[in-house]
Amino acid sequence: MSEEQYLQVKVRNRMGLVFEGQAVSVTSENKKGTFDVLGQHANFVTTVRKKLVITKPTGGKVVMSVDSGVMHVYKNVVLVFLGVM
């Protein structure tokens, strides 16, 4: 997979930065159900809930419990703000 296919992910909560790094995919859930964000994904904004799974290029996963949050995807950059709703 080329570098341009990776997502740049930042996850923040009220206390500060929780995660920053590259990912192959980001998985979460909104009111419509489970969804995945992959490289070159369409730009969008959505709420997130229950959990956030970040799959790293090495194959490892970071799993976070989520009560509420907002995800913004724009040009392979995924910003997640937890606890804002």
N, C-alpha and C. Protein backbone atom coordinates (compact mmCIF):
# COMPACT_ATOMS: atom_id res chain seq x y z
N MET A 1 0.86 -1.18 0.00
CA MET A 1 0.00 0.00 0.00
C MET A 1 0.90 1.24 0.00
N SER A 2 0.57 2.20 -0.85
CA SER A 2 1.40 3.41 -0.94
C SER A 2 1.05 4.39 0.19
N GLU A 3 1.98 5.26 0.47
CA GLU A 3 1.80 6.27 1.53
C GLU A 3 0.54 7.09 1.33
N GLU A 4 0.19 7.39 0.07
CA GLU A 4 -0.98 8.23 -0.18
C GLU A 4 -2.29 7.51 0.08
N GLN A 5 -2.25 6.20 0.28
CA GLN A 5 -3.45 5.45 0.61
C GLN A 5 -3.71 5.43 2.12
N TYR A 6 -2.70 5.79 2.91
CA TYR A 6 -2.86 5.81 4.36
C TYR A 6 -3.65 7.03 4.80
N LEU A 7 -4.37 6.86 5.88
CA LEU A 7 -5.08 7.96 6.51
C LEU A 7 -4.20 8.56 7.60
N GLN A 8 -4.27 9.86 7.75
CA GLN A 8 -3.63 10.53 8.88
C GLN A 8 -4.73 10.75 9.91
N VAL A 9 -4.57 10.17 11.08
CA VAL A 9 -5.64 10.18 12.07
C VAL A 9 -5.21 10.93 13.33
N LYS A 10 -6.11 11.78 13.81
CA LYS A 10 -5.93 12.45 15.10
C LYS A 10 -7.22 12.28 15.89
N VAL A 11 -7.09 11.80 17.11
CA VAL A 11 -8.24 11.64 18.00
C VAL A 11 -7.98 12.50 19.23
N ARG A 12 -8.93 13.36 19.53
CA ARG A 12 -8.81 14.26 20.69
C ARG A 12 -10.02 14.12 21.59
N ASN A 13 -9.79 14.35 22.88
CA ASN A 13 -10.89 14.51 23.83
C ASN A 13 -10.69 15.84 24.52
N ARG A 14 -11.47 16.10 25.53
CA ARG A 14 -11.38 17.40 26.22
C ARG A 14 -10.03 17.62 26.90
N MET A 15 -9.34 16.54 27.20
CA MET A 15 -8.05 16.63 27.89
C MET A 15 -6.88 16.83 26.93
N GLY A 16 -7.08 16.50 25.65
CA GLY A 16 -5.99 16.66 24.69
C GLY A 16 -5.95 15.54 23.67
N LEU A 17 -4.76 15.33 23.10
CA LEU A 17 -4.55 14.35 22.05
C LEU A 17 -4.55 12.94 22.63
N VAL A 18 -5.37 12.06 22.07
CA VAL A 18 -5.48 10.67 22.53
C VAL A 18 -4.70 9.75 21.59
N PHE A 19 -4.75 10.03 20.29
CA PHE A 19 -4.04 9.22 19.29
C PHE A 19 -3.68 10.11 18.11
N GLU A 20 -2.48 9.86 17.57
CA GLU A 20 -2.06 10.51 16.33
C GLU A 20 -1.19 9.54 15.56
N GLY A 21 -1.51 9.31 14.29
CA GLY A 21 -0.69 8.41 13.49
C GLY A 21 -1.37 8.03 12.21
N GLN A 22 -0.70 7.14 11.47
CA GLN A 22 -1.23 6.65 10.20
C GLN A 22 -2.14 5.46 10.44
N ALA A 23 -3.07 5.28 9.53
CA ALA A 23 -3.98 4.14 9.60
C ALA A 23 -4.35 3.67 8.21
N VAL A 24 -4.67 2.40 8.13
CA VAL A 24 -5.20 1.82 6.90
C VAL A 24 -6.70 2.03 6.85
N SER A 25 -7.34 1.96 8.04
CA SER A 25 -8.78 2.17 8.11
C SER A 25 -9.18 2.66 9.49
N VAL A 26 -10.34 3.29 9.54
CA VAL A 26 -10.96 3.70 10.81
C VAL A 26 -12.40 3.20 10.75
N THR A 27 -12.80 2.47 11.79
CA THR A 27 -14.14 1.90 11.85
C THR A 27 -14.86 2.46 13.06
N SER A 28 -16.13 2.81 12.89
CA SER A 28 -16.93 3.27 14.01
C SER A 28 -18.40 3.00 13.71
N GLU A 29 -19.25 3.60 14.50
CA GLU A 29 -20.69 3.42 14.33
C GLU A 29 -21.38 4.76 14.49
N ASN A 30 -22.43 4.98 13.67
CA ASN A 30 -23.29 6.14 13.84
C ASN A 30 -24.74 5.64 13.88
N LYS A 31 -25.71 6.51 13.77
CA LYS A 31 -27.11 6.10 13.87
C LYS A 31 -27.53 5.12 12.78
N LYS A 32 -26.86 5.16 11.64
CA LYS A 32 -27.20 4.27 10.52
C LYS A 32 -26.54 2.90 10.65
N GLY A 33 -25.52 2.77 11.48
CA GLY A 33 -24.82 1.49 11.65
C GLY A 33 -23.32 1.65 11.59
N THR A 34 -22.64 0.52 11.43
CA THR A 34 -21.18 0.48 11.38
C THR A 34 -20.69 0.98 10.03
N PHE A 35 -19.58 1.71 10.03
CA PHE A 35 -18.98 2.19 8.79
C PHE A 35 -17.47 2.16 8.88
N ASP A 36 -16.82 2.12 7.72
CA ASP A 36 -15.36 2.14 7.61
C ASP A 36 -14.94 3.34 6.79
N VAL A 37 -13.81 3.91 7.16
CA VAL A 37 -13.18 4.96 6.37
C VAL A 37 -11.85 4.38 5.88
N LEU A 38 -11.64 4.40 4.57
CA LEU A 38 -10.42 3.92 3.95
C LEU A 38 -9.74 5.06 3.21
N GLY A 39 -8.53 4.85 2.75
CA GLY A 39 -7.82 5.86 1.97
C GLY A 39 -8.63 6.32 0.78
N GLN A 40 -8.54 7.58 0.46
CA GLN A 40 -9.26 8.21 -0.64
C GLN A 40 -10.77 8.21 -0.43
N HIS A 41 -11.19 8.13 0.82
CA HIS A 41 -12.63 8.14 1.16
C HIS A 41 -13.23 9.50 0.82
N ALA A 42 -14.51 9.52 0.54
CA ALA A 42 -15.21 10.78 0.29
C ALA A 42 -15.14 11.65 1.55
N ASN A 43 -15.10 12.94 1.36
CA ASN A 43 -15.08 13.88 2.47
C ASN A 43 -16.45 13.90 3.13
N PHE A 44 -16.47 13.85 4.48
CA PHE A 44 -17.75 13.91 5.17
C PHE A 44 -17.57 14.18 6.65
N VAL A 45 -18.68 14.45 7.31
CA VAL A 45 -18.72 14.65 8.76
C VAL A 45 -19.83 13.76 9.31
N THR A 46 -19.58 13.08 10.42
CA THR A 46 -20.58 12.22 11.03
C THR A 46 -20.38 12.16 12.54
N THR A 47 -21.40 11.72 13.22
CA THR A 47 -21.26 11.43 14.64
C THR A 47 -20.67 10.03 14.78
N VAL A 48 -20.06 9.76 15.92
CA VAL A 48 -19.55 8.43 16.22
C VAL A 48 -20.01 8.04 17.62
N ARG A 49 -20.16 6.72 17.81
CA ARG A 49 -20.58 6.23 19.12
C ARG A 49 -20.12 4.79 19.29
N LYS A 50 -20.21 4.32 20.49
CA LYS A 50 -19.88 2.96 20.91
C LYS A 50 -18.38 2.66 20.87
N LYS A 51 -17.77 2.61 19.68
CA LYS A 51 -16.33 2.35 19.64
C LYS A 51 -15.70 2.93 18.39
N LEU A 52 -14.39 3.06 18.47
CA LEU A 52 -13.57 3.55 17.37
C LEU A 52 -12.44 2.55 17.23
N VAL A 53 -12.25 2.00 16.03
CA VAL A 53 -11.19 1.03 15.78
C VAL A 53 -10.28 1.61 14.70
N ILE A 54 -9.02 1.80 15.05
CA ILE A 54 -8.03 2.33 14.11
C ILE A 54 -7.10 1.17 13.76
N THR A 55 -7.06 0.81 12.47
CA THR A 55 -6.17 -0.27 12.02
C THR A 55 -4.91 0.37 11.45
N LYS A 56 -3.78 0.08 12.09
CA LYS A 56 -2.50 0.66 11.69
C LYS A 56 -1.91 -0.07 10.49
N PRO A 57 -0.98 0.57 9.78
CA PRO A 57 -0.33 -0.08 8.63
C PRO A 57 0.38 -1.38 9.01
N THR A 58 0.80 -1.52 10.25
CA THR A 58 1.47 -2.74 10.71
C THR A 58 0.50 -3.88 10.96
N GLY A 59 -0.80 -3.59 10.94
CA GLY A 59 -1.82 -4.60 11.19
C GLY A 59 -2.37 -4.52 12.60
N GLY A 60 -1.69 -3.82 13.49
CA GLY A 60 -2.18 -3.65 14.85
C GLY A 60 -3.42 -2.78 14.88
N LYS A 61 -4.19 -2.92 15.94
CA LYS A 61 -5.42 -2.13 16.08
C LYS A 61 -5.42 -1.37 17.39
N VAL A 62 -5.96 -0.16 17.33
CA VAL A 62 -6.22 0.64 18.52
C VAL A 62 -7.73 0.70 18.65
N VAL A 63 -8.25 0.23 19.79
CA VAL A 63 -9.69 0.20 20.01
C VAL A 63 -10.02 1.12 21.18
N MET A 64 -10.96 2.04 20.96
CA MET A 64 -11.37 2.99 21.99
C MET A 64 -12.87 2.92 22.19
N SER A 65 -13.30 2.95 23.44
CA SER A 65 -14.73 3.08 23.74
C SER A 65 -15.13 4.53 23.52
N VAL A 66 -16.31 4.72 22.96
CA VAL A 66 -16.78 6.06 22.62
C VAL A 66 -18.20 6.23 23.14
N ASP A 67 -18.42 7.24 23.98
CA ASP A 67 -19.79 7.59 24.37
C ASP A 67 -20.43 8.42 23.27
N SER A 68 -19.70 9.43 22.82
CA SER A 68 -20.17 10.29 21.75
C SER A 68 -18.99 11.02 21.14
N GLY A 69 -19.16 11.46 19.92
CA GLY A 69 -18.10 12.19 19.26
C GLY A 69 -18.49 12.59 17.85
N VAL A 70 -17.57 13.30 17.21
CA VAL A 70 -17.76 13.76 15.84
C VAL A 70 -16.51 13.40 15.05
N MET A 71 -16.71 12.90 13.83
CA MET A 71 -15.60 12.58 12.94
C MET A 71 -15.68 13.45 11.71
N HIS A 72 -14.54 13.99 11.33
CA HIS A 72 -14.42 14.82 10.12
C HIS A 72 -13.37 14.17 9.23
N VAL A 73 -13.75 13.85 7.98
CA VAL A 73 -12.84 13.24 7.03
C VAL A 73 -12.67 14.20 5.86
N TYR A 74 -11.40 14.55 5.57
CA TYR A 74 -11.12 15.47 4.47
C TYR A 74 -9.73 15.17 3.91
N LYS A 75 -9.68 14.78 2.65
CA LYS A 75 -8.42 14.52 1.94
C LYS A 75 -7.49 13.61 2.73
N ASN A 76 -7.96 12.44 3.12
CA ASN A 76 -7.18 11.43 3.84
C ASN A 76 -6.77 11.83 5.26
N VAL A 77 -7.37 12.87 5.79
CA VAL A 77 -7.13 13.26 7.18
C VAL A 77 -8.43 13.00 7.94
N VAL A 78 -8.33 12.22 9.01
CA VAL A 78 -9.48 11.89 9.84
C VAL A 78 -9.28 12.53 11.21
N LEU A 79 -10.17 13.45 11.56
CA LEU A 79 -10.14 14.10 12.86
C LEU A 79 -11.34 13.61 13.65
N VAL A 80 -11.08 13.13 14.86
CA VAL A 80 -12.16 12.66 15.72
C VAL A 80 -12.11 13.45 17.03
N PHE A 81 -13.26 14.01 17.39
CA PHE A 81 -13.38 14.78 18.63
C PHE A 81 -14.35 14.03 19.54
N LEU A 82 -13.82 13.48 20.62
CA LEU A 82 -14.63 12.65 21.54
C LEU A 82 -15.26 13.49 22.64
N GLY A 83 -16.46 13.10 23.04
CA GLY A 83 -17.13 13.74 24.17
C GLY A 83 -17.64 15.13 23.89
N VAL A 84 -17.96 15.43 22.65
CA VAL A 84 -18.41 16.79 22.31
C VAL A 84 -19.92 16.88 22.13
N MET A 85 -20.63 15.78 22.28
CA MET A 85 -22.07 15.81 22.08
C MET A 85 -22.78 15.39 23.34
